[in-house]
Protein backbone atom coordinates (compact mmCIF):
# COMPACT_ATOMS: atom_id res chain seq x y z
CA UNK A 1 -0.16 0.21 0.22
CA UNK A 2 1.21 3.49 -1.09
CA UNK A 3 1.89 6.01 1.61
CA UNK A 4 -1.18 8.00 0.07
CA UNK A 5 -3.37 5.66 0.22
CA UNK A 6 -2.96 4.75 3.59
CA UNK A 7 -3.32 8.06 4.55
CA UNK A 8 -6.61 8.62 3.27
CA UNK A 9 -7.32 5.07 4.67
CA UNK A 10 -6.33 6.36 8.32
CA UNK A 11 -8.10 9.48 7.46
CA UNK A 12 -11.23 8.22 6.60
CA UNK A 13 -11.38 5.33 9.92
CA UNK A 14 -11.12 8.74 12.11
CA UNK A 15 -13.55 10.82 10.35
CA UNK A 16 -15.83 7.69 11.00
CA UNK A 17 -14.44 6.74 14.75
CA UNK A 18 -15.54 10.68 15.92
CA UNK A 19 -18.97 10.82 14.03
CA UNK A 20 -19.43 7.86 16.43
CA UNK A 21 -18.18 9.47 19.47
CA UNK A 22 -18.93 12.92 19.58
CA UNK A 23 -20.72 12.70 22.23
CA UNK A 24 -17.74 11.33 24.34
CA UNK A 25 -16.01 13.97 23.44
CA UNK A 26 -17.37 16.75 26.45
CA UNK A 27 -17.54 19.47 23.84
CA UNK A 28 -20.47 21.78 23.21
CA UNK A 29 -23.18 21.82 20.48
CA UNK A 30 -21.42 25.01 18.58
CA UNK A 31 -17.69 22.72 19.30
CA UNK A 32 -19.44 19.88 18.10
CA UNK A 33 -21.10 21.20 14.81
CA UNK A 34 -17.24 22.89 14.29
CA UNK A 35 -15.49 19.50 14.89
CA UNK A 36 -17.97 17.73 12.50
CA UNK A 37 -17.49 20.89 9.99
CA UNK A 38 -13.52 19.94 9.62
CA UNK A 39 -14.40 16.12 9.78
CA UNK A 40 -16.44 16.97 6.32
CA UNK A 41 -13.99 18.49 4.93
CA UNK A 42 -11.46 15.68 6.05
CA UNK A 43 -13.30 13.52 4.54
CA UNK A 44 -13.49 15.38 1.39
CA UNK A 45 -10.09 15.72 0.51
CA UNK A 46 -9.14 12.25 1.91
CA UNK A 47 -11.63 10.90 -0.88
CA UNK A 48 -10.66 13.25 -3.69
CA UNK A 49 -9.07 11.87 -6.49
CA UNK A 50 -5.66 13.09 -6.77
CA UNK A 51 -5.76 12.55 -2.85
CA UNK A 52 -5.73 16.65 -1.73
CA UNK A 53 -2.76 16.27 1.29
CA UNK A 54 -2.91 19.98 1.88
CA UNK A 55 -6.30 19.91 2.70
CA UNK A 56 -5.88 16.55 4.56
CA UNK A 57 -3.45 18.57 6.63
CA UNK A 58 -5.08 21.19 7.12
CA UNK A 59 -8.27 19.63 8.33
CA UNK A 60 -6.35 16.91 10.39
CA UNK A 61 -4.19 19.83 12.35
CA UNK A 62 -7.86 21.20 13.29
CA UNK A 63 -9.02 18.09 14.62
CA UNK A 64 -6.35 17.30 16.64
CA UNK A 65 -6.34 21.24 18.01
CA UNK A 66 -9.72 20.97 19.11
CA UNK A 67 -9.41 17.50 20.60
CA UNK A 68 -6.54 18.61 22.25
CA UNK A 69 -7.43 21.92 23.28
CA UNK A 70 -11.47 21.87 23.70
CA UNK A 71 -12.34 18.44 23.95
CA UNK A 72 -12.53 17.40 27.80
CA UNK A 73 -13.71 13.56 27.08
CA UNK A 74 -12.61 10.40 27.82
CA UNK A 75 -11.86 9.47 24.15
CA UNK A 76 -10.45 12.57 23.03
CA UNK A 77 -7.08 11.80 24.23
CA UNK A 78 -6.93 8.29 22.03
CA UNK A 79 -8.38 10.38 18.97
CA UNK A 80 -6.27 12.90 19.08
CA UNK A 81 -3.18 10.96 19.36
CA UNK A 82 -4.80 9.20 16.20
CA UNK A 83 -4.76 12.28 14.26
CA UNK A 84 -1.26 13.19 15.53
CA UNK A 85 -0.19 9.48 13.99
CA UNK A 86 -1.86 10.29 10.50
CA UNK A 87 -0.24 13.98 10.43
CA UNK A 88 3.39 11.81 11.47
CA UNK A 89 5.08 15.04 12.81
CA UNK A 90 4.97 13.64 16.51
CA UNK A 91 3.28 16.77 17.69
CA UNK A 92 1.03 16.23 20.45
CA UNK A 93 1.67 12.34 20.52
CA UNK A 94 0.47 10.88 23.94
CA UNK A 95 1.21 7.03 23.02
CA UNK A 96 4.29 6.06 21.25
């Protein structure tokens, strides 16, 4: 599997997980709406042909920011770690 396909699969998987876990993230209604907007744009970038790497990067960074700085639910740290792994920059990684 090439890196682009892996990135797309990882992003889509994170987006599905976030949609299924929104109630567990400890967000207000407005924060949840903001997060879901970024999730939708990340899915669109990951599904584009060719893969929109800049769009994926921008949206996953925004998602990670919300998960680290705003969300306080029990699964927020795990989701933020998944976002950091997708970005590959190691910033904000909670687990190795």
